[in-house]
Structure formats: structure tokens, C-alpha cells
Amino acid sequence: MANEHHHDGPTRFYLFGGKGGVGKTTLAAAHALRLAGEGHRTLLVSTDPAHSVSDLLETRLGDQPTAAGERLWAMEIDPEADARAYVEGIREDAEAAVSKAVLPALDRHLKLAVQAPGTAESALFDRFTRIMTWCPGDYDRIVFDTAPSGHTLRLLTLPSMLGAWVEGLQAQRAKVNKLQGMWRTMAGVSEPEREDRVLVRLRQRAERFAEARRRLHAEAVFHPVLLAERLPIEETARVIEQLRDTQIPIGALYVNRLWPEDPASAFVTERVAQQNEYLAEIRDRFAAFERVEVAQSARDIVGRHQLVDLAARLGDAAPD
């Protein structure tokens, strides 16, 4: 596995990943602020249901990009609403393709599908590949505060199975259409051939996924975010392992919320000693990767002023 990310062209996509509660959203927002400050038209995409990016940027955000500063735009995706829209799209396609008799059963099935754990992931991933197409046209850089899980990103590595499957379906459909055409001609009924909607949609998706896969490999970097604690360390190791097959380069690991030393406090001294043991393990286990070690702020980062401050600190700490 490559230990550093080297692209021939520029890095356009930054994916921040890690378990909930490690500060991904704050670090992604600070990173986006920094990129915008460097002169790149930057879009920050948040999937945080708590809408903390709206608070951090002190800008009311919605489902579409909103200006949030000089050369900075941000949007908050609601994964649940996205899952519903995604399933609704499937229903519309199916409605055009299946007989009326099976629609009630299909509806029951799709209602359950909205709740299924994989649906929100798939919908998010679908949305993610669409957003990628806005760059470099509308934006120079896109920062995602939550990368799809390593598991979802592996969907990309399925050698374009979806593509092959669509081709097969199309060949079959074409045969049926031809027969129907002959039958219509014989019966003297003229009906223009309608290319099947489901197929069109599937083919578009297969092409978009293939393009997303190519671009994530060539233009993206994945930043794991962790704390100097046991669970986040194991989670990071797992995600890095899952990403091994995706060929998405892994950038600097952000080790967040490191406590400063305080010789006057026995509690802090003990706390820092334990943290340093974990930090030593992180430096050892992830020696192949760059690291950005981020000090714990005395207070939660809740507004723009503190975010600007953190962005500056990240700039100083960033590996060359």
C-alpha cells in the first residue's frame, strides 16, 4: 500500500473518515476554510445530522450549496431524505417497467427498503458521485466531512460488474424490442420504440460510478481522523485495511484532541501519560503515513472565529 499520496494532477477531493465523535466535521470545516483561504473555490459537503456545520460557519445551510465566505460554499445533506428520494426514483422507474398488478407488493418492499441500513449508504454514495461531477467546473476542491465507510467505498472496486450487467440486459431488451417491433409491423400497429427507463438509469449510474472510481483514485485523498484512544485506533486500522483494495490514497492521519501537559495536575498528568502510550502506538502502527497532531481546544469549537483559529493551527501543523 502506498504510504503517501502522489497524484499526477491536483488533489481535488478530500474525504474525512472515522468513527462518530472524533471531530471529523470540525476538522473538515477547518480544512475547507484553509483551502478557500489558499484561493481555491471550495465546497464543504456535510452529512452530519446535527447540522453542526451551519453553526460552525454561522451560515444557514441546506441541501444545495450556499455561499459561506470568500470562495467557500457549504451544503448539508440529510441522508434520510436522500434515501427516501433515492427509493422514490427506483419506484418511478419500476412503475414504468412492471405490470400494475405487482405495484402494491413493490411498494411494501420499497417502504421497508427506505429503513434498511444499506439504503442510506447507497443513496449517500449515489449523491456523492453526483457531487463529484461539479468539480472542477463549479468548484476547485470538494471536502466531504464524512467519507462513505470503507465498506461502501469498496463498492467502487467491484470491477464494473454493474456495467457488464447493464450491457447484458440491454442486449436482451433489444431482442425483445425487435420482436415486438416485428409483431407490431405485422399487426399494423405503429408505436415508436421507447428505450427502457430502468436501463437508461442503470447505464448512467454504471458510467457515473466508473468515473467516480477513476477520479477517486486519481484526484482524492482519504484523511482518517482518530483520537489517542483504543477504539479509534482499531477503527482506523480497519478502515485503512478496507481501503487497501479501493486504490484511494490515504493522506495524513489527524490525531485529534491531544491534551496538553500540566505538571500541577495529577489527573492531567495521568491522562496525558495514557494518551502518550496510545500516541506512541499510533506513531508505530501507522508509521507509513503522515500525521497531523491536533491539540485539544480548551472549549468546544462552536463558531467561526474558533474555526478560523483551528484552520491556522492546521496550516502550521500540516506535513509539507
C-alpha atoms as a PDB file:
ATOM      1  CA  MET A   1       0.000   0.000   0.000  1.00  0.00           C
ATOM      2  CA  ALA A   2       1.326   3.421  -0.897  1.00  0.00           C
ATOM      3  CA  ASN A   3       2.442   5.245   2.192  1.00  0.00           C
ATOM      4  CA  GLU A   4       1.997   8.703   0.751  1.00  0.00           C
ATOM      5  CA  HIS A   5      -0.433  10.104  -1.732  1.00  0.00           C
ATOM      6  CA  HIS A   6       1.095  11.200  -5.003  1.00  0.00           C
ATOM      7  CA  HIS A   7      -1.179  12.330  -7.790  1.00  0.00           C
ATOM      8  CA  ASP A   8      -0.021  13.408 -11.205  1.00  0.00           C
ATOM      9  CA  GLY A   9      -2.624  16.169 -11.104  1.00  0.00           C
ATOM     10  CA  PRO A  10      -4.020  18.166  -8.188  1.00  0.00           C
ATOM     11  CA  THR A  11      -5.899  16.637  -5.256  1.00  0.00           C
ATOM     12  CA  ARG A  12      -9.478  17.822  -5.740  1.00  0.00           C
ATOM     13  CA  PHE A  13     -11.410  15.686  -3.241  1.00  0.00           C
ATOM     14  CA  TYR A  14     -10.717  15.391   0.482  1.00  0.00           C
ATOM     15  CA  LEU A  15     -12.573  12.687   2.402  1.00  0.00           C
ATOM     16  CA  PHE A  16     -12.552  12.784   6.192  1.00  0.00           C
ATOM     17  CA  GLY A  17     -13.364   9.435   7.786  1.00  0.00           C
ATOM     18  CA  GLY A  18     -13.547   7.961  11.265  1.00  0.00           C
ATOM     19  CA  LYS A  19     -15.979   6.942  13.985  1.00  0.00           C
ATOM     20  CA  GLY A  20     -18.601   9.389  15.283  1.00  0.00           C
ATOM     21  CA  GLY A  21     -17.396  11.794  17.931  1.00  0.00           C
ATOM     22  CA  VAL A  22     -13.760  12.135  16.854  1.00  0.00           C
ATOM     23  CA  GLY A  23     -14.200  15.637  15.428  1.00  0.00           C
ATOM     24  CA  LYS A  24     -14.311  14.852  11.689  1.00  0.00           C
ATOM     25  CA  THR A  25     -16.805  17.605  10.938  1.00  0.00           C
ATOM     26  CA  THR A  26     -14.806  20.317  12.695  1.00  0.00           C
ATOM     27  CA  LEU A  27     -11.534  19.265  11.053  1.00  0.00           C
ATOM     28  CA  ALA A  28     -13.151  19.019   7.610  1.00  0.00           C
ATOM     29  CA  ALA A  29     -14.659  22.506   8.036  1.00  0.00           C
ATOM     30  CA  ALA A  30     -11.298  23.936   9.137  1.00  0.00           C
ATOM     31  CA  HIS A  31      -9.616  22.222   6.184  1.00  0.00           C
ATOM     32  CA  ALA A  32     -12.188  23.684   3.762  1.00  0.00           C
ATOM     33  CA  LEU A  33     -11.641  27.139   5.257  1.00  0.00           C
ATOM     34  CA  ARG A  34      -7.913  26.728   4.731  1.00  0.00           C
ATOM     35  CA  LEU A  35      -8.310  25.649   1.087  1.00  0.00           C
ATOM     36  CA  ALA A  36     -10.598  28.615   0.408  1.00  0.00           C
ATOM     37  CA  GLY A  37      -8.017  30.863   2.065  1.00  0.00           C
ATOM     38  CA  GLU A  38      -5.390  29.482  -0.321  1.00  0.00           C
ATOM     39  CA  GLY A  39      -7.509  30.684  -3.247  1.00  0.00           C
ATOM     40  CA  HIS A  40      -9.422  27.529  -4.233  1.00  0.00           C
ATOM     41  CA  ARG A  41     -13.183  27.654  -4.820  1.00  0.00           C
ATOM     42  CA  THR A  42     -14.082  25.138  -2.138  1.00  0.00           C
ATOM     43  CA  LEU A  43     -17.289  23.240  -1.385  1.00  0.00           C
ATOM     44  CA  LEU A  44     -17.750  21.618   2.023  1.00  0.00           C
ATOM     45  CA  VAL A  45     -20.261  18.757   1.998  1.00  0.00           C
ATOM     46  CA  SER A  46     -21.594  17.719   5.387  1.00  0.00           C
ATOM     47  CA  THR A  47     -23.724  14.703   6.237  1.00  0.00           C
ATOM     48  CA  ASP A  48     -23.760  15.494   9.935  1.00  0.00           C
ATOM     49  CA  PRO A  49     -27.400  15.168  11.106  1.00  0.00           C
ATOM     50  CA  ALA A  50     -26.738  17.648  13.945  1.00  0.00           C
ATOM     51  CA  HIS A  51     -26.174  20.448  11.380  1.00  0.00           C
ATOM     52  CA  SER A  52     -23.061  21.491  13.259  1.00  0.00           C
ATOM     53  CA  VAL A  53     -21.503  22.909  10.063  1.00  0.00           C
ATOM     54  CA  SER A  54     -24.258  25.546   9.941  1.00  0.00           C
ATOM     55  CA  ASP A  55     -23.245  26.520  13.491  1.00  0.00           C
ATOM     56  CA  LEU A  56     -19.502  26.397  12.818  1.00  0.00           C
ATOM     57  CA  LEU A  57     -19.760  28.567   9.716  1.00  0.00           C
ATOM     58  CA  GLU A  58     -22.529  30.687  11.231  1.00  0.00           C
ATOM     59  CA  THR A  59     -24.433  30.294   7.964  1.00  0.00           C
ATOM     60  CA  ARG A  60     -27.796  28.661   7.460  1.00  0.00           C
ATOM     61  CA  LEU A  61     -27.134  25.724   5.136  1.00  0.00           C
ATOM     62  CA  GLY A  62     -29.421  23.437   3.213  1.00  0.00           C
ATOM     63  CA  ASP A  63     -29.473  20.664   0.671  1.00  0.00           C
ATOM     64  CA  GLN A  64     -27.823  22.797  -2.047  1.00  0.00           C
ATOM     65  CA  PRO A  65     -24.533  24.714  -1.919  1.00  0.00           C
ATOM     66  CA  THR A  66     -24.781  28.051  -0.086  1.00  0.00           C
ATOM     67  CA  ALA A  67     -22.109  30.757  -0.028  1.00  0.00           C
ATOM     68  CA  ALA A  68     -20.378  30.617   3.357  1.00  0.00           C
ATOM     69  CA  GLY A  69     -17.476  33.022   2.907  1.00  0.00           C
ATOM     70  CA  GLU A  70     -14.875  34.097   0.407  1.00  0.00           C
ATOM     71  CA  ARG A  71     -14.503  31.262  -2.164  1.00  0.00           C
ATOM     72  CA  LEU A  72     -16.270  28.933   0.291  1.00  0.00           C
ATOM     73  CA  TRP A  73     -19.610  27.168  -0.177  1.00  0.00           C
ATOM     74  CA  ALA A  74     -21.184  24.535   2.030  1.00  0.00           C
ATOM     75  CA  MET A  75     -24.149  22.180   1.994  1.00  0.00           C
ATOM     76  CA  GLU A  76     -25.732  19.779   4.475  1.00  0.00           C
ATOM     77  CA  ILE A  77     -27.167  16.567   3.127  1.00  0.00           C
ATOM     78  CA  ASP A  78     -29.926  14.842   5.058  1.00  0.00           C
ATOM     79  CA  PRO A  79     -29.165  11.136   4.488  1.00  0.00           C
ATOM     80  CA  GLU A  80     -32.717  10.084   5.413  1.00  0.00           C
ATOM     81  CA  ALA A  81     -34.386  12.464   2.955  1.00  0.00           C
ATOM     82  CA  ASP A  82     -31.853  11.348   0.357  1.00  0.00           C
ATOM     83  CA  ALA A  83     -32.706   7.691   0.986  1.00  0.00           C
ATOM     84  CA  ARG A  84     -36.411   8.445   0.517  1.00  0.00           C
ATOM     85  CA  ALA A  85     -35.782  10.317  -2.750  1.00  0.00           C
ATOM     86  CA  TYR A  86     -33.491   7.532  -3.937  1.00  0.00           C
ATOM     87  CA  VAL A  87     -36.132   4.855  -3.299  1.00  0.00           C
ATOM     88  CA  GLU A  88     -38.795   7.067  -4.911  1.00  0.00           C
ATOM     89  CA  GLY A  89     -36.622   7.224  -8.057  1.00  0.00           C
ATOM     90  CA  ILE A  90     -36.409   3.428  -8.087  1.00  0.00           C
ATOM     91  CA  ARG A  91     -40.197   3.239  -7.714  1.00  0.00           C
ATOM     92  CA  GLU A  92     -40.806   5.573 -10.667  1.00  0.00           C
ATOM     93  CA  ASP A  93     -38.503   3.515 -12.860  1.00  0.00           C
ATOM     94  CA  ALA A  94     -40.106   0.279 -11.738  1.00  0.00           C
ATOM     95  CA  GLU A  95     -43.592   1.659 -12.301  1.00  0.00           C
ATOM     96  CA  ALA A  96     -42.705   2.203 -15.951  1.00  0.00           C
ATOM     97  CA  ALA A  97     -41.295  -1.305 -16.235  1.00  0.00           C
ATOM     98  CA  VAL A  98     -43.529  -3.653 -14.240  1.00  0.00           C
ATOM     99  CA  SER A  99     -47.170  -4.592 -14.522  1.00  0.00           C
ATOM    100  CA  LYS A 100     -49.717  -2.756 -12.354  1.00  0.00           C
ATOM    101  CA  ALA A 101     -50.570  -5.975 -10.511  1.00  0.00           C
ATOM    102  CA  VAL A 102     -47.223  -6.169  -8.710  1.00  0.00           C
ATOM    103  CA  LEU A 103     -47.081  -2.481  -7.715  1.00  0.00           C
ATOM    104  CA  PRO A 104     -48.677  -2.894  -4.243  1.00  0.00           C
ATOM    105  CA  ALA A 105     -46.164  -5.617  -3.348  1.00  0.00           C
ATOM    106  CA  LEU A 106     -43.342  -3.489  -4.758  1.00  0.00           C
ATOM    107  CA  ASP A 107     -44.468  -0.529  -2.645  1.00  0.00           C
ATOM    108  CA  ARG A 108     -44.449  -2.622   0.521  1.00  0.00           C
ATOM    109  CA  HIS A 109     -40.977  -3.799  -0.318  1.00  0.00           C
ATOM    110  CA  LEU A 110     -39.691  -0.282  -1.039  1.00  0.00           C
ATOM    111  CA  LYS A 111     -41.172   1.102   2.207  1.00  0.00           C
ATOM    112  CA  LEU A 112     -39.003  -1.389   4.060  1.00  0.00           C
ATOM    113  CA  ALA A 113     -36.059  -0.587   1.821  1.00  0.00           C
ATOM    114  CA  VAL A 114     -36.018   3.057   2.970  1.00  0.00           C
ATOM    115  CA  GLN A 115     -35.388   1.814   6.523  1.00  0.00           C
ATOM    116  CA  ALA A 116     -32.790  -0.794   5.515  1.00  0.00           C
ATOM    117  CA  PRO A 117     -29.269   0.052   6.708  1.00  0.00           C
ATOM    118  CA  GLY A 118     -27.671  -0.212   3.273  1.00  0.00           C
ATOM    119  CA  THR A 119     -30.130   2.145   1.602  1.00  0.00           C
ATOM    120  CA  ALA A 120     -28.951   5.366   3.242  1.00  0.00           C
ATOM    121  CA  GLU A 121     -25.347   4.374   2.454  1.00  0.00           C
ATOM    122  CA  SER A 122     -26.187   3.631  -1.191  1.00  0.00           C
ATOM    123  CA  ALA A 123     -28.194   6.837  -1.529  1.00  0.00           C
ATOM    124  CA  LEU A 124     -25.374   8.840   0.046  1.00  0.00           C
ATOM    125  CA  PHE A 125     -22.854   7.209  -2.225  1.00  0.00           C
ATOM    126  CA  ASP A 126     -25.033   7.920  -5.256  1.00  0.00           C
ATOM    127  CA  ARG A 127     -25.287  11.562  -4.187  1.00  0.00           C
ATOM    128  CA  PHE A 128     -21.559  11.669  -3.524  1.00  0.00           C
ATOM    129  CA  THR A 129     -20.763  10.554  -7.103  1.00  0.00           C
ATOM    130  CA  ARG A 130     -23.111  13.245  -8.463  1.00  0.00           C
ATOM    131  CA  ILE A 131     -21.499  15.987  -6.365  1.00  0.00           C
ATOM    132  CA  MET A 132     -18.069  14.925  -7.660  1.00  0.00           C
ATOM    133  CA  THR A 133     -19.157  15.925 -11.173  1.00  0.00           C
ATOM    134  CA  TRP A 134     -19.366  19.604 -10.046  1.00  0.00           C
ATOM    135  CA  CYS A 135     -15.598  19.745  -9.765  1.00  0.00           C
ATOM    136  CA  PRO A 136     -13.558  21.249 -11.441  1.00  0.00           C
ATOM    137  CA  GLY A 137     -16.394  23.109 -13.237  1.00  0.00           C
ATOM    138  CA  ASP A 138     -18.122  24.890 -10.348  1.00  0.00           C
ATOM    139  CA  TYR A 139     -15.555  24.212  -7.610  1.00  0.00           C
ATOM    140  CA  ASP A 140     -11.808  23.588  -7.471  1.00  0.00           C
ATOM    141  CA  ARG A 141     -11.901  21.495  -4.292  1.00  0.00           C
ATOM    142  CA  ILE A 142     -14.586  19.477  -2.517  1.00  0.00           C
ATOM    143  CA  VAL A 143     -14.245  18.431   1.124  1.00  0.00           C
ATOM    144  CA  PHE A 144     -16.568  15.680   2.423  1.00  0.00           C
ATOM    145  CA  ASP A 145     -16.864  15.751   6.199  1.00  0.00           C
ATOM    146  CA  THR A 146     -17.831  12.088   6.307  1.00  0.00           C
ATOM    147  CA  ALA A 147     -16.441   9.757   3.726  1.00  0.00           C
ATOM    148  CA  PRO A 148     -18.651   6.811   2.937  1.00  0.00           C
ATOM    149  CA  SER A 149     -17.415   3.922   5.079  1.00  0.00           C
ATOM    150  CA  GLY A 150     -14.539   1.823   3.804  1.00  0.00           C
ATOM    151  CA  HIS A 151     -17.189  -0.818   3.196  1.00  0.00           C
ATOM    152  CA  THR A 152     -19.188   1.470   0.877  1.00  0.00           C
ATOM    153  CA  LEU A 153     -16.109   2.762  -0.914  1.00  0.00           C
ATOM    154  CA  ARG A 154     -15.347  -0.833  -1.783  1.00  0.00           C
ATOM    155  CA  LEU A 155     -18.454  -0.758  -3.948  1.00  0.00           C
ATOM    156  CA  LEU A 156     -16.177   1.127  -6.281  1.00  0.00           C
ATOM    157  CA  THR A 157     -13.813  -1.772  -6.622  1.00  0.00           C
ATOM    158  CA  LEU A 158     -16.439  -4.130  -7.984  1.00  0.00           C
ATOM    159  CA  PRO A 159     -14.920  -4.356 -11.439  1.00  0.00           C
ATOM    160  CA  SER A 160     -17.590  -2.619 -13.471  1.00  0.00           C
ATOM    161  CA  MET A 161     -19.947  -5.516 -12.823  1.00  0.00           C
ATOM    162  CA  LEU A 162     -22.820  -3.101 -12.970  1.00  0.00           C
ATOM    163  CA  GLY A 163     -21.653  -2.076 -16.445  1.00  0.00           C
ATOM    164  CA  ALA A 164     -21.443  -5.645 -17.731  1.00  0.00           C
ATOM    165  CA  TRP A 165     -24.824  -6.430 -16.234  1.00  0.00           C
ATOM    166  CA  VAL A 166     -26.431  -3.416 -17.922  1.00  0.00           C
ATOM    167  CA  GLU A 167     -24.906  -4.399 -21.271  1.00  0.00           C
ATOM    168  CA  GLY A 168     -26.392  -7.897 -20.915  1.00  0.00           C
ATOM    169  CA  LEU A 169     -29.805  -6.515 -20.001  1.00  0.00           C
ATOM    170  CA  GLN A 170     -29.683  -4.152 -22.939  1.00  0.00           C
ATOM    171  CA  ALA A 171     -28.903  -6.885 -25.416  1.00  0.00           C
ATOM    172  CA  GLN A 172     -31.877  -8.845 -24.079  1.00  0.00           C
ATOM    173  CA  ARG A 173     -34.158  -5.827 -24.202  1.00  0.00           C
ATOM    174  CA  ALA A 174     -33.070  -5.029 -27.748  1.00  0.00           C
ATOM    175  CA  LYS A 175     -34.057  -8.563 -28.813  1.00  0.00           C
ATOM    176  CA  VAL A 176     -37.468  -8.238 -27.189  1.00  0.00           C
ATOM    177  CA  ASN A 177     -37.987  -4.799 -28.720  1.00  0.00           C
ATOM    178  CA  LYS A 178     -37.071  -6.130 -32.141  1.00  0.00           C
ATOM    179  CA  LEU A 179     -39.571  -8.971 -31.829  1.00  0.00           C
ATOM    180  CA  GLN A 180     -42.214  -6.570 -30.587  1.00  0.00           C
ATOM    181  CA  GLY A 181     -41.403  -4.283 -33.497  1.00  0.00           C
ATOM    182  CA  MET A 182     -41.861  -7.117 -35.984  1.00  0.00           C
ATOM    183  CA  TRP A 183     -45.091  -8.095 -34.290  1.00  0.00           C
ATOM    184  CA  ARG A 184     -46.363  -4.501 -34.403  1.00  0.00           C
ATOM    185  CA  THR A 185     -45.472  -4.203 -38.080  1.00  0.00           C
ATOM    186  CA  MET A 186     -47.355  -7.422 -38.844  1.00  0.00           C
ATOM    187  CA  ALA A 187     -50.305  -6.238 -36.803  1.00  0.00           C
ATOM    188  CA  GLY A 188     -50.128  -2.835 -38.468  1.00  0.00           C
ATOM    189  CA  VAL A 189     -49.740  -1.027 -35.145  1.00  0.00           C
ATOM    190  CA  SER A 190     -47.185   1.743 -35.102  1.00  0.00           C
ATOM    191  CA  GLU A 191     -45.685   2.606 -31.718  1.00  0.00           C
ATOM    192  CA  PRO A 192     -42.332   4.330 -31.500  1.00  0.00           C
ATOM    193  CA  GLU A 193     -39.814   2.269 -29.546  1.00  0.00           C
ATOM    194  CA  ARG A 194     -39.266   3.628 -26.094  1.00  0.00           C
ATOM    195  CA  GLU A 195     -35.855   2.973 -24.639  1.00  0.00           C
ATOM    196  CA  ASP A 196     -36.409   1.396 -21.301  1.00  0.00           C
ATOM    197  CA  ARG A 197     -36.124   3.906 -18.468  1.00  0.00           C
ATOM    198  CA  VAL A 198     -34.694   1.488 -15.946  1.00  0.00           C
ATOM    199  CA  LEU A 199     -31.899   0.604 -18.346  1.00  0.00           C
ATOM    200  CA  VAL A 200     -31.098   4.211 -19.132  1.00  0.00           C
ATOM    201  CA  ARG A 201     -30.890   4.956 -15.412  1.00  0.00           C
ATOM    202  CA  LEU A 202     -28.763   1.894 -14.704  1.00  0.00           C
ATOM    203  CA  ARG A 203     -26.415   2.663 -17.550  1.00  0.00           C
ATOM    204  CA  GLN A 204     -25.992   6.260 -16.379  1.00  0.00           C
ATOM    205  CA  ARG A 205     -25.264   5.030 -12.879  1.00  0.00           C
ATOM    206  CA  ALA A 206     -22.742   2.456 -14.098  1.00  0.00           C
ATOM    207  CA  GLU A 207     -20.940   5.175 -16.064  1.00  0.00           C
ATOM    208  CA  ARG A 208     -21.019   7.625 -13.156  1.00  0.00           C
ATOM    209  CA  PHE A 209     -19.672   5.018 -10.723  1.00  0.00           C
ATOM    210  CA  ALA A 210     -16.889   4.054 -13.124  1.00  0.00           C
ATOM    211  CA  GLU A 211     -15.938   7.717 -13.499  1.00  0.00           C
ATOM    212  CA  ALA A 212     -16.090   8.259  -9.710  1.00  0.00           C
ATOM    213  CA  ARG A 213     -13.818   5.267  -9.212  1.00  0.00           C
ATOM    214  CA  ARG A 214     -11.295   6.632 -11.687  1.00  0.00           C
ATOM    215  CA  ARG A 215     -11.349  10.086 -10.127  1.00  0.00           C
ATOM    216  CA  LEU A 216     -11.142   8.935  -6.507  1.00  0.00           C
ATOM    217  CA  HIS A 217      -8.035   7.014  -7.450  1.00  0.00           C
ATOM    218  CA  ALA A 218      -6.510   9.926  -9.378  1.00  0.00           C
ATOM    219  CA  GLU A 219      -7.722  13.026  -7.515  1.00  0.00           C
ATOM    220  CA  ALA A 220      -8.853  12.141  -3.988  1.00  0.00           C
ATOM    221  CA  VAL A 221      -7.216  11.705  -0.631  1.00  0.00           C
ATOM    222  CA  PHE A 222      -8.722   9.999   2.418  1.00  0.00           C
ATOM    223  CA  HIS A 223      -7.895  11.517   5.817  1.00  0.00           C
ATOM    224  CA  PRO A 224      -8.576   9.191   8.763  1.00  0.00           C
ATOM    225  CA  VAL A 225      -9.467  11.090  11.949  1.00  0.00           C
ATOM    226  CA  LEU A 226      -8.858   9.428  15.309  1.00  0.00           C
ATOM    227  CA  LEU A 227      -8.205  10.080  18.975  1.00  0.00           C
ATOM    228  CA  ALA A 228      -5.344   8.669  21.030  1.00  0.00           C
ATOM    229  CA  GLU A 229      -7.699   6.003  22.415  1.00  0.00           C
ATOM    230  CA  ARG A 230      -8.097   2.264  21.895  1.00  0.00           C
ATOM    231  CA  LEU A 231     -11.349   2.115  19.867  1.00  0.00           C
ATOM    232  CA  PRO A 232     -10.498   4.862  17.354  1.00  0.00           C
ATOM    233  CA  ILE A 233      -7.066   3.278  16.793  1.00  0.00           C
ATOM    234  CA  GLU A 234      -8.640  -0.087  15.936  1.00  0.00           C
ATOM    235  CA  GLU A 235     -11.319   1.551  13.784  1.00  0.00           C
ATOM    236  CA  THR A 236      -8.639   3.458  11.823  1.00  0.00           C
ATOM    237  CA  ALA A 237      -6.649   0.266  11.249  1.00  0.00           C
ATOM    238  CA  ARG A 238      -9.818  -1.390   9.968  1.00  0.00           C
ATOM    239  CA  VAL A 239     -10.727   1.423   7.566  1.00  0.00           C
ATOM    240  CA  ILE A 240      -7.182   1.573   6.188  1.00  0.00           C
ATOM    241  CA  GLU A 241      -7.367  -2.169   5.596  1.00  0.00           C
ATOM    242  CA  GLN A 242     -10.747  -1.829   3.860  1.00  0.00           C
ATOM    243  CA  LEU A 243      -9.412   0.946   1.665  1.00  0.00           C
ATOM    244  CA  ARG A 244      -6.494  -1.183   0.534  1.00  0.00           C
ATOM    245  CA  ASP A 245      -8.473  -2.512  -2.452  1.00  0.00           C
ATOM    246  CA  THR A 246     -10.024   0.785  -3.472  1.00  0.00           C
ATOM    247  CA  GLN A 247      -6.751   2.413  -4.511  1.00  0.00           C
ATOM    248  CA  ILE A 248      -7.859   5.623  -2.840  1.00  0.00           C
ATOM    249  CA  PRO A 249      -4.713   7.275  -1.500  1.00  0.00           C
ATOM    250  CA  ILE A 250      -4.550   7.776   2.251  1.00  0.00           C
ATOM    251  CA  GLY A 251      -3.303  11.173   3.353  1.00  0.00           C
ATOM    252  CA  ALA A 252      -2.252  12.431   6.751  1.00  0.00           C
ATOM    253  CA  LEU A 253      -3.930  10.881   9.790  1.00  0.00           C
ATOM    254  CA  TYR A 254      -5.441  13.554  12.019  1.00  0.00           C
ATOM    255  CA  VAL A 255      -4.869  12.648  15.663  1.00  0.00           C
ATOM    256  CA  ASN A 256      -7.342  14.959  17.344  1.00  0.00           C
ATOM    257  CA  ARG A 257      -7.898  16.399  20.844  1.00  0.00           C
ATOM    258  CA  LEU A 258      -4.485  15.835  22.383  1.00  0.00           C
ATOM    259  CA  TRP A 259      -4.344  17.129  25.950  1.00  0.00           C
ATOM    260  CA  PRO A 260      -1.511  19.474  26.906  1.00  0.00           C
ATOM    261  CA  GLU A 261       0.811  18.578  29.797  1.00  0.00           C
ATOM    262  CA  ASP A 262       0.075  20.139  33.173  1.00  0.00           C
ATOM    263  CA  PRO A 263       2.577  19.216  35.896  1.00  0.00           C
ATOM    264  CA  ALA A 264       0.349  20.902  38.510  1.00  0.00           C
ATOM    265  CA  SER A 265      -2.499  18.419  37.981  1.00  0.00           C
ATOM    266  CA  ALA A 266      -2.125  14.758  38.917  1.00  0.00           C
ATOM    267  CA  PHE A 267      -5.245  13.923  36.871  1.00  0.00           C
ATOM    268  CA  VAL A 268      -3.981  15.605  33.701  1.00  0.00           C
ATOM    269  CA  THR A 269      -0.525  14.073  34.162  1.00  0.00           C
ATOM    270  CA  GLU A 270      -2.104  10.608  34.351  1.00  0.00           C
ATOM    271  CA  ARG A 271      -4.391  11.346  31.424  1.00  0.00           C
ATOM    272  CA  VAL A 272      -1.510  12.626  29.280  1.00  0.00           C
ATOM    273  CA  ALA A 273       0.655   9.623  30.211  1.00  0.00           C
ATOM    274  CA  GLN A 274      -2.041   7.245  28.913  1.00  0.00           C
ATOM    275  CA  GLN A 275      -2.557   9.389  25.821  1.00  0.00           C
ATOM    276  CA  ASN A 276       1.189   9.288  25.119  1.00  0.00           C
ATOM    277  CA  GLU A 277       1.170   5.483  25.263  1.00  0.00           C
ATOM    278  CA  TYR A 278      -1.558   5.450  22.620  1.00  0.00           C
ATOM    279  CA  LEU A 279       0.234   8.124  20.635  1.00  0.00           C
ATOM    280  CA  ALA A 280       3.385   6.010  20.612  1.00  0.00           C
ATOM    281  CA  GLU A 281       1.283   3.101  19.328  1.00  0.00           C
ATOM    282  CA  ILE A 282      -0.256   5.304  16.619  1.00  0.00           C
ATOM    283  CA  ARG A 283       3.182   6.525  15.502  1.00  0.00           C
ATOM    284  CA  ASP A 284       4.373   2.947  15.387  1.00  0.00           C
ATOM    285  CA  ARG A 285       1.366   1.217  13.787  1.00  0.00           C
ATOM    286  CA  PHE A 286       0.743   3.946  11.246  1.00  0.00           C
ATOM    287  CA  ALA A 287       4.392   4.852  10.661  1.00  0.00           C
ATOM    288  CA  ALA A 288       3.826   4.602   6.893  1.00  0.00           C
ATOM    289  CA  PHE A 289       1.507   7.626   6.971  1.00  0.00           C
ATOM    290  CA  GLU A 290       1.939  11.286   7.688  1.00  0.00           C
ATOM    291  CA  ARG A 291       0.269  12.558  10.855  1.00  0.00           C
ATOM    292  CA  VAL A 292      -1.210  15.864  11.924  1.00  0.00           C
ATOM    293  CA  GLU A 293      -1.440  16.009  15.719  1.00  0.00           C
ATOM    294  CA  VAL A 294      -4.110  18.438  16.872  1.00  0.00           C
ATOM    295  CA  ALA A 295      -4.179  19.853  20.400  1.00  0.00           C
ATOM    296  CA  GLN A 296      -7.405  19.773  22.380  1.00  0.00           C
ATOM    297  CA  SER A 297      -9.049  23.210  22.491  1.00  0.00           C
ATOM    298  CA  ALA A 298      -9.917  24.405  25.991  1.00  0.00           C
ATOM    299  CA  ARG A 299     -13.520  24.838  24.854  1.00  0.00           C
ATOM    300  CA  ASP A 300     -15.622  23.136  22.169  1.00  0.00           C
ATOM    301  CA  ILE A 301     -15.172  24.738  18.793  1.00  0.00           C
ATOM    302  CA  VAL A 302     -18.604  26.193  18.187  1.00  0.00           C
ATOM    303  CA  GLY A 303     -18.223  29.207  15.925  1.00  0.00           C
ATOM    304  CA  ARG A 304     -16.453  30.686  13.001  1.00  0.00           C
ATOM    305  CA  HIS A 305     -13.865  32.626  14.986  1.00  0.00           C
ATOM    306  CA  GLN A 306     -12.555  29.451  16.646  1.00  0.00           C
ATOM    307  CA  LEU A 307     -12.733  27.593  13.328  1.00  0.00           C
ATOM    308  CA  VAL A 308     -10.511  30.204  11.650  1.00  0.00           C
ATOM    309  CA  ASP A 309      -8.123  29.769  14.556  1.00  0.00           C
ATOM    310  CA  LEU A 310      -8.088  25.975  14.120  1.00  0.00           C
ATOM    311  CA  ALA A 311      -7.574  26.321  10.341  1.00  0.00           C
ATOM    312  CA  ALA A 312      -4.468  28.420  11.018  1.00  0.00           C
ATOM    313  CA  ARG A 313      -3.176  25.849  13.523  1.00  0.00           C
ATOM    314  CA  LEU A 314      -3.717  23.059  10.970  1.00  0.00           C
ATOM    315  CA  GLY A 315      -1.776  25.094   8.424  1.00  0.00           C
ATOM    316  CA  ASP A 316       1.182  25.222  10.811  1.00  0.00           C
ATOM    317  CA  ALA A 317       0.928  21.512  11.662  1.00  0.00           C
ATOM    318  CA  ALA A 318       0.374  20.224   8.129  1.00  0.00           C
ATOM    319  CA  PRO A 319       3.083  17.996   6.681  1.00  0.00           C
ATOM    320  CA  ASP A 320       4.797  19.527   3.629  1.00  0.00           C
END
